[in-house]
Amino acid sequence: MIVLGVETSCDETGIGLVKDGKVILANVVVSSLKIHSKYGGVIPEIASRLQLESIAGVYREAMKEAGIKAEDIDLIAVTKGPGLPGSLLVGVSFAKALALSLGKPILGVNHVHSHIYANILCHRNIKLPCAALVASGGHTSLFYVKDFSDIRLLGQTQDDACGEAFDKVAKIMGLGYPGGPLIEKLAENGNNHKVKFACSGTRGELDFSFSGIKTAVLYYLKDNPQKIKSRNADLAASFQESVINVLVKKSLLACKLKNVKQLLIGGGVAANSSLRKKFFLAARDSGIDCFFPTLGLCMDNAAMVSGVAYFLYKQGARDNLYLNTQLNN
């Protein structure tokens, strides 16, 4: 069964083709990140306009890469939410038009759940149930995954998402956008114990809060004006270390509370090399098998949309041409 997936939840435009939920035939992604970078963040109107202009070309490129014909597609899948309203509308509209023109069934899927499924595309030894962490620019959430039709939220950020905190701290430090890769690179030459930071406490033991540590960085720089913001490797390393530590601690706690031995991690922040190393070491010491997607599948892409849609369709999930976006699902 070949599933074509459409992903337009933020600034990427992605078309993916996946066979039987595991074999990637094509995964084409076009990003407008360079345009947004000069504004210090994603501008929703620009993102959706560029997606509208590029989605047909991305589709043609994906079909060419997969080497198949349109009639070979068995299911059209699309991210229905959460995400930017205008961007989601572009993807859902394109998917419905394609499904109608080809006479194929359509299925909308959850963007965050797709990030968890990205691990299934990369690993063959994952056994459900398990725990999962999705950490990205818009989301920081812990889940209990009984299977991909039964994913239960265990905890989530109460304010800034993890990746959002990286972006804001990078802006405070004068580094630019997107902040995650810039802070990671600067932190390579820093002492991660030089400055003591801590993420704010939360009422829920599996919830997160990152707005406090962002503010702590701001006050640190105000109190230490002699520091050269854009070259303070120790500050970047200390901030990054504190954020990673809380992600590791709460993810392993979720594994313990749900009595599972596997942890799946997805989302753009999962591409951070220091985070990966820390998770692998801590998980090993706790007897947990820790899984990450390949770097390309950490970012928003449509192969993960195709993959999770295959599983859900086989479980009986169905949609029709009345499918609409769901901003908060």
Protein backbone atom coordinates (compact mmCIF):
# COMPACT_ATOMS: atom_id res chain seq x y z
CA MET A 1 0.00 0.00 0.00
CA ILE A 2 1.44 3.35 -1.07
CA VAL A 3 0.47 6.43 0.94
CA LEU A 4 1.13 9.97 -0.25
CA GLY A 5 1.52 12.40 2.64
CA VAL A 6 1.24 16.20 2.67
CA GLU A 7 2.88 18.31 5.39
CA THR A 8 2.39 22.08 5.64
CA SER A 9 1.96 22.77 9.36
CA CYS A 10 4.59 25.52 9.61
CA ASP A 11 7.10 26.91 7.09
CA GLU A 12 7.97 23.63 5.32
CA THR A 13 6.18 22.24 2.29
CA GLY A 14 6.55 18.47 2.20
CA ILE A 15 5.30 15.61 0.05
CA GLY A 16 6.24 12.06 1.00
CA LEU A 17 5.48 8.63 -0.42
CA VAL A 18 5.80 5.62 1.84
CA LYS A 19 5.07 1.96 1.10
CA ASP A 20 3.46 -0.23 3.77
CA GLY A 21 4.16 2.29 6.49
CA LYS A 22 7.93 1.72 6.55
CA VAL A 23 9.63 2.03 3.16
CA ILE A 24 10.25 5.63 2.07
CA LEU A 25 9.91 6.00 -1.70
CA ALA A 26 10.26 9.79 -1.68
CA ASN A 27 10.44 12.57 0.87
CA VAL A 28 10.72 16.04 -0.64
CA VAL A 29 10.74 19.11 1.61
CA VAL A 30 11.06 22.78 0.65
CA SER A 31 11.55 25.32 3.42
CA SER A 32 11.09 29.08 3.49
CA LEU A 33 13.34 29.34 6.57
CA LYS A 34 15.88 31.68 4.95
CA ILE A 35 13.18 34.22 4.25
CA HIS A 36 11.85 34.07 7.82
CA SER A 37 15.30 34.26 9.39
CA LYS A 38 15.67 37.98 8.67
CA TYR A 39 12.49 38.61 10.68
CA GLY A 40 13.63 36.54 13.67
CA GLY A 41 10.80 34.03 13.37
CA VAL A 42 8.20 32.49 11.08
CA ILE A 43 5.78 34.98 9.51
CA PRO A 44 2.55 32.98 8.98
CA GLU A 45 1.32 34.96 5.96
CA ILE A 46 4.63 34.56 4.15
CA ALA A 47 4.77 30.85 4.98
CA SER A 48 1.31 30.07 3.59
CA ARG A 49 1.81 32.16 0.44
CA LEU A 50 5.05 30.39 -0.40
CA GLN A 51 3.49 27.00 0.32
CA LEU A 52 0.67 27.81 -2.05
CA GLU A 53 3.23 28.66 -4.73
CA SER A 54 5.45 25.63 -4.23
CA ILE A 55 3.24 22.68 -3.29
CA ALA A 56 2.43 21.57 -6.84
CA GLY A 57 6.11 21.55 -7.77
CA VAL A 58 7.03 19.63 -4.61
CA TYR A 59 4.37 17.04 -5.53
CA ARG A 60 5.79 16.61 -9.03
CA GLU A 61 9.33 16.23 -7.65
CA ALA A 62 8.21 13.62 -5.12
CA MET A 63 6.39 11.58 -7.76
CA LYS A 64 9.48 11.72 -9.96
CA GLU A 65 11.73 10.65 -7.08
CA ALA A 66 9.43 7.74 -6.19
CA GLY A 67 9.19 6.63 -9.81
CA ILE A 68 5.47 5.89 -9.64
CA LYS A 69 2.31 7.06 -11.36
CA ALA A 70 -0.58 8.84 -9.67
CA GLU A 71 -2.82 5.79 -10.05
CA ASP A 72 -0.36 3.77 -7.94
CA ILE A 73 -1.24 5.84 -4.87
CA ASP A 74 -3.66 4.08 -2.51
CA LEU A 75 -4.27 6.77 0.11
CA ILE A 76 -3.81 10.55 0.45
CA ALA A 77 -2.73 11.62 3.95
CA VAL A 78 -2.38 15.18 5.22
CA THR A 79 -1.47 16.98 8.41
CA LYS A 80 -4.71 18.49 9.69
CA GLY A 81 -3.19 20.10 12.80
CA PRO A 82 -1.88 21.49 14.99
CA GLY A 83 -0.07 24.24 13.10
CA LEU A 84 -0.43 27.63 11.46
CA PRO A 85 -4.02 28.08 10.18
CA GLY A 86 -3.13 29.38 6.72
CA SER A 87 -0.40 26.79 6.19
CA LEU A 88 -2.63 23.89 7.26
CA LEU A 89 -5.34 25.13 4.91
CA VAL A 90 -2.96 24.99 1.94
CA GLY A 91 -2.03 21.38 2.67
CA VAL A 92 -5.55 20.16 3.41
CA SER A 93 -6.95 21.89 0.31
CA PHE A 94 -4.26 20.39 -1.92
CA ALA A 95 -4.79 16.91 -0.43
CA LYS A 96 -8.56 17.08 -0.90
CA ALA A 97 -8.19 18.27 -4.50
CA LEU A 98 -5.72 15.44 -5.20
CA ALA A 99 -7.95 12.83 -3.55
CA LEU A 100 -10.97 14.03 -5.53
CA SER A 101 -9.15 14.10 -8.85
CA LEU A 102 -7.65 10.63 -8.37
CA GLY A 103 -10.66 9.05 -6.70
CA LYS A 104 -8.56 8.05 -3.69
CA PRO A 105 -9.45 7.99 0.01
CA ILE A 106 -8.14 10.76 2.27
CA LEU A 107 -7.06 10.77 5.91
CA GLY A 108 -6.05 13.66 8.17
CA VAL A 109 -3.42 13.01 10.84
CA ASN A 110 -1.98 14.73 13.90
CA HIS A 111 1.31 16.51 13.24
CA VAL A 112 2.75 15.82 16.70
CA HIS A 113 1.90 12.11 16.55
CA SER A 114 3.64 11.98 13.17
CA HIS A 115 6.89 13.06 14.82
CA ILE A 116 6.66 10.03 17.10
CA TYR A 117 6.06 7.73 14.12
CA ALA A 118 9.23 9.03 12.42
CA ASN A 119 11.08 6.55 14.63
CA ILE A 120 9.19 3.64 13.08
CA LEU A 121 10.57 4.65 9.69
CA CYS A 122 14.12 4.33 11.06
CA HIS A 123 14.05 1.40 13.48
CA ARG A 124 12.69 -2.15 13.29
CA ASN A 125 13.02 -3.15 16.96
CA ILE A 126 10.46 -0.81 18.50
CA LYS A 127 7.79 -2.51 20.58
CA LEU A 128 4.64 -0.83 21.83
CA PRO A 129 3.52 0.34 24.32
CA CYS A 130 6.23 2.91 24.99
CA ALA A 131 6.75 6.49 26.12
CA ALA A 132 7.43 9.33 23.69
CA LEU A 133 8.77 12.88 23.83
CA VAL A 134 8.15 15.42 21.07
CA ALA A 135 10.32 18.54 21.42
CA SER A 136 10.16 21.20 18.73
CA GLY A 137 9.67 24.89 18.12
CA GLY A 138 5.97 24.64 18.85
CA HIS A 139 5.60 21.60 21.07
CA THR A 140 7.11 19.94 24.11
CA SER A 141 4.94 16.98 25.11
CA LEU A 142 5.24 13.57 26.73
CA PHE A 143 3.00 10.72 25.63
CA TYR A 144 2.12 7.15 26.47
CA VAL A 145 1.84 5.31 23.16
CA LYS A 146 -0.26 2.17 23.48
CA ASP A 147 -0.40 2.12 19.70
CA PHE A 148 -0.70 4.88 17.12
CA SER A 149 -4.48 4.90 17.38
CA ASP A 150 -4.25 5.25 21.17
CA ILE A 151 -1.75 7.98 22.16
CA ARG A 152 -2.32 9.55 25.56
CA LEU A 153 -0.88 12.88 26.67
CA LEU A 154 1.08 12.64 29.92
CA GLY A 155 2.47 16.17 30.18
CA GLN A 156 3.28 19.25 28.14
CA THR A 157 4.80 22.70 28.34
CA GLN A 158 2.81 25.24 30.28
CA ASP A 159 4.31 28.19 28.40
CA ASP A 160 7.13 28.27 25.84
CA ALA A 161 7.95 25.18 23.84
CA CYS A 162 11.50 23.91 24.15
CA GLY A 163 12.54 25.01 20.66
CA GLU A 164 10.81 28.34 21.19
CA ALA A 165 12.97 28.90 24.28
CA PHE A 166 16.10 28.22 22.22
CA ASP A 167 14.94 30.77 19.64
CA LYS A 168 14.20 33.44 22.24
CA VAL A 169 17.48 32.94 24.10
CA ALA A 170 19.38 33.10 20.82
CA LYS A 171 17.65 36.40 20.07
CA ILE A 172 18.54 37.73 23.53
CA MET A 173 22.16 36.75 22.88
CA GLY A 174 22.16 38.36 19.45
CA LEU A 175 22.78 35.10 17.60
CA GLY A 176 19.98 35.07 15.03
CA TYR A 177 17.26 32.65 13.96
CA PRO A 178 16.63 29.72 14.17
CA GLY A 179 18.20 29.59 17.63
CA GLY A 180 18.62 25.86 18.24
CA PRO A 181 21.50 25.13 15.83
CA LEU A 182 23.20 28.44 16.68
CA ILE A 183 23.17 27.82 20.43
CA GLU A 184 24.27 24.22 19.92
CA LYS A 185 27.26 25.29 17.83
CA LEU A 186 28.28 28.04 20.27
CA ALA A 187 27.88 25.68 23.24
CA GLU A 188 30.45 23.25 21.82
CA ASN A 189 33.24 25.46 23.16
CA GLY A 190 31.54 26.37 26.44
CA ASN A 191 31.53 25.17 30.03
CA ASN A 192 28.03 23.86 30.68
CA HIS A 193 28.41 24.25 34.45
CA LYS A 194 29.68 27.84 34.38
CA VAL A 195 26.27 29.47 34.94
CA LYS A 196 23.62 27.87 37.13
CA PHE A 197 20.19 27.84 35.51
CA ALA A 198 17.07 25.86 36.33
CA CYS A 199 13.78 25.42 34.52
CA SER A 200 10.71 26.54 36.45
CA GLY A 201 8.80 24.02 38.51
CA THR A 202 5.37 22.82 37.40
CA ARG A 203 2.31 21.54 39.20
CA GLY A 204 2.19 18.43 37.03
CA GLU A 205 5.27 16.25 37.49
CA LEU A 206 5.43 15.52 33.75
CA ASP A 207 4.74 19.07 32.58
CA PHE A 208 7.40 21.53 31.45
CA SER A 209 8.08 25.25 31.77
CA PHE A 210 10.75 27.12 29.81
CA SER A 211 9.73 30.76 30.11
CA GLY A 212 11.54 31.15 33.43
CA ILE A 213 14.94 30.03 32.17
CA LYS A 214 14.59 32.38 29.19
CA THR A 215 14.01 35.26 31.60
CA ALA A 216 16.94 34.10 33.75
CA VAL A 217 19.25 34.40 30.74
CA LEU A 218 17.94 37.91 30.07
CA TYR A 219 18.62 39.03 33.67
CA TYR A 220 22.02 37.35 33.69
CA LEU A 221 23.09 39.45 30.72
CA LYS A 222 21.63 42.61 32.26
CA ASP A 223 23.56 41.94 35.48
CA ASN A 224 26.75 41.13 33.58
CA PRO A 225 26.99 43.79 30.86
CA GLN A 226 30.70 43.03 30.40
CA LYS A 227 29.76 39.72 28.78
CA ILE A 228 29.90 39.72 25.01
CA LYS A 229 26.48 38.28 24.29
CA SER A 230 27.04 36.73 20.89
CA ARG A 231 30.27 35.02 21.94
CA ASN A 232 29.36 33.78 25.40
CA ALA A 233 29.86 30.06 24.86
CA ASP A 234 29.59 29.31 28.58
CA LEU A 235 26.17 30.94 28.72
CA ALA A 236 24.94 29.00 25.70
CA ALA A 237 26.30 25.73 27.09
CA SER A 238 24.81 26.31 30.55
CA PHE A 239 21.38 27.17 29.13
CA GLN A 240 21.42 24.17 26.82
CA GLU A 241 22.51 21.83 29.61
CA SER A 242 19.68 22.93 31.90
CA VAL A 243 17.03 22.46 29.22
CA ILE A 244 18.34 19.04 28.22
CA ASN A 245 18.51 17.89 31.82
CA VAL A 246 14.84 18.58 32.46
CA LEU A 247 13.82 16.85 29.22
CA VAL A 248 15.83 13.77 30.17
CA LYS A 249 14.62 13.70 33.77
CA LYS A 250 10.91 13.93 32.97
CA SER A 251 11.08 11.57 30.00
CA LEU A 252 12.68 8.84 32.08
CA LEU A 253 10.18 9.52 34.85
CA ALA A 254 7.39 8.94 32.33
CA CYS A 255 8.95 5.59 31.41
CA LYS A 256 9.07 4.64 35.09
CA LEU A 257 5.50 5.72 35.85
CA LYS A 258 4.09 3.87 32.83
CA ASN A 259 6.39 0.87 33.34
CA VAL A 260 7.76 0.86 29.79
CA LYS A 261 11.27 0.10 28.59
CA GLN A 262 11.37 2.06 25.36
CA LEU A 263 11.39 5.80 24.73
CA LEU A 264 10.79 7.42 21.32
CA ILE A 265 11.96 11.00 20.77
CA GLY A 266 11.00 13.24 17.86
CA GLY A 267 10.77 16.85 16.74
CA GLY A 268 13.33 19.40 15.61
CA VAL A 269 15.05 19.67 18.99
CA ALA A 270 15.79 15.93 18.75
CA ALA A 271 18.46 16.81 16.15
CA ASN A 272 20.60 18.39 18.90
CA SER A 273 23.71 16.22 19.29
CA SER A 274 24.24 17.04 22.98
CA LEU A 275 20.64 16.09 23.70
CA ARG A 276 21.03 12.79 21.90
CA LYS A 277 24.19 11.92 23.80
CA LYS A 278 22.66 12.83 27.16
CA PHE A 279 19.53 10.81 26.48
CA PHE A 280 21.41 7.72 25.35
CA LEU A 281 23.65 7.72 28.44
CA ALA A 282 20.84 8.38 30.92
CA ALA A 283 18.49 5.88 29.26
CA ARG A 284 21.16 3.19 29.27
CA ASP A 285 21.79 3.71 32.99
CA SER A 286 18.04 3.38 33.61
CA GLY A 287 17.63 0.26 31.48
CA ILE A 288 15.63 2.10 28.82
CA ASP A 289 16.04 1.71 25.06
CA CYS A 290 16.08 5.21 23.55
CA PHE A 291 15.26 5.87 19.88
CA PHE A 292 15.74 8.91 17.65
CA PRO A 293 14.84 9.40 13.97
CA THR A 294 17.57 10.25 11.49
CA LEU A 295 18.33 13.97 11.44
CA GLY A 296 16.28 14.62 8.31
CA LEU A 297 13.21 12.97 9.83
CA CYS A 298 13.47 15.05 13.02
CA MET A 299 12.41 18.11 11.05
CA ASP A 300 8.91 18.55 9.62
CA ASN A 301 8.47 16.21 6.68
CA ALA A 302 5.72 14.29 4.93
CA ALA A 303 7.16 10.76 5.12
CA MET A 304 6.18 10.61 8.79
CA VAL A 305 2.67 11.75 7.81
CA SER A 306 2.41 8.94 5.27
CA GLY A 307 3.70 6.41 7.77
CA VAL A 308 1.32 7.13 10.62
CA ALA A 309 -1.60 7.41 8.18
CA TYR A 310 -0.90 3.88 6.94
CA PHE A 311 -1.15 2.51 10.47
CA LEU A 312 -4.33 4.47 11.26
CA TYR A 313 -5.99 3.49 7.97
CA LYS A 314 -5.29 -0.16 8.67
CA GLN A 315 -6.91 0.34 12.09
CA GLY A 316 -10.07 1.61 10.40
CA ALA A 317 -9.61 5.41 10.50
CA ARG A 318 -11.43 7.21 7.70
CA ASP A 319 -12.07 10.77 6.54
CA ASN A 320 -13.84 12.33 3.57
CA LEU A 321 -13.77 15.52 1.53
CA TYR A 322 -15.36 17.43 4.41
CA LEU A 323 -12.03 17.09 6.25
CA ASN A 324 -11.01 20.36 7.85
CA THR A 325 -8.05 21.71 9.80
CA GLN A 326 -7.91 21.17 13.57
CA LEU A 327 -5.67 23.78 15.14
CA ASN A 328 -5.52 22.32 18.63
CA ASN A 329 -5.86 18.57 18.13
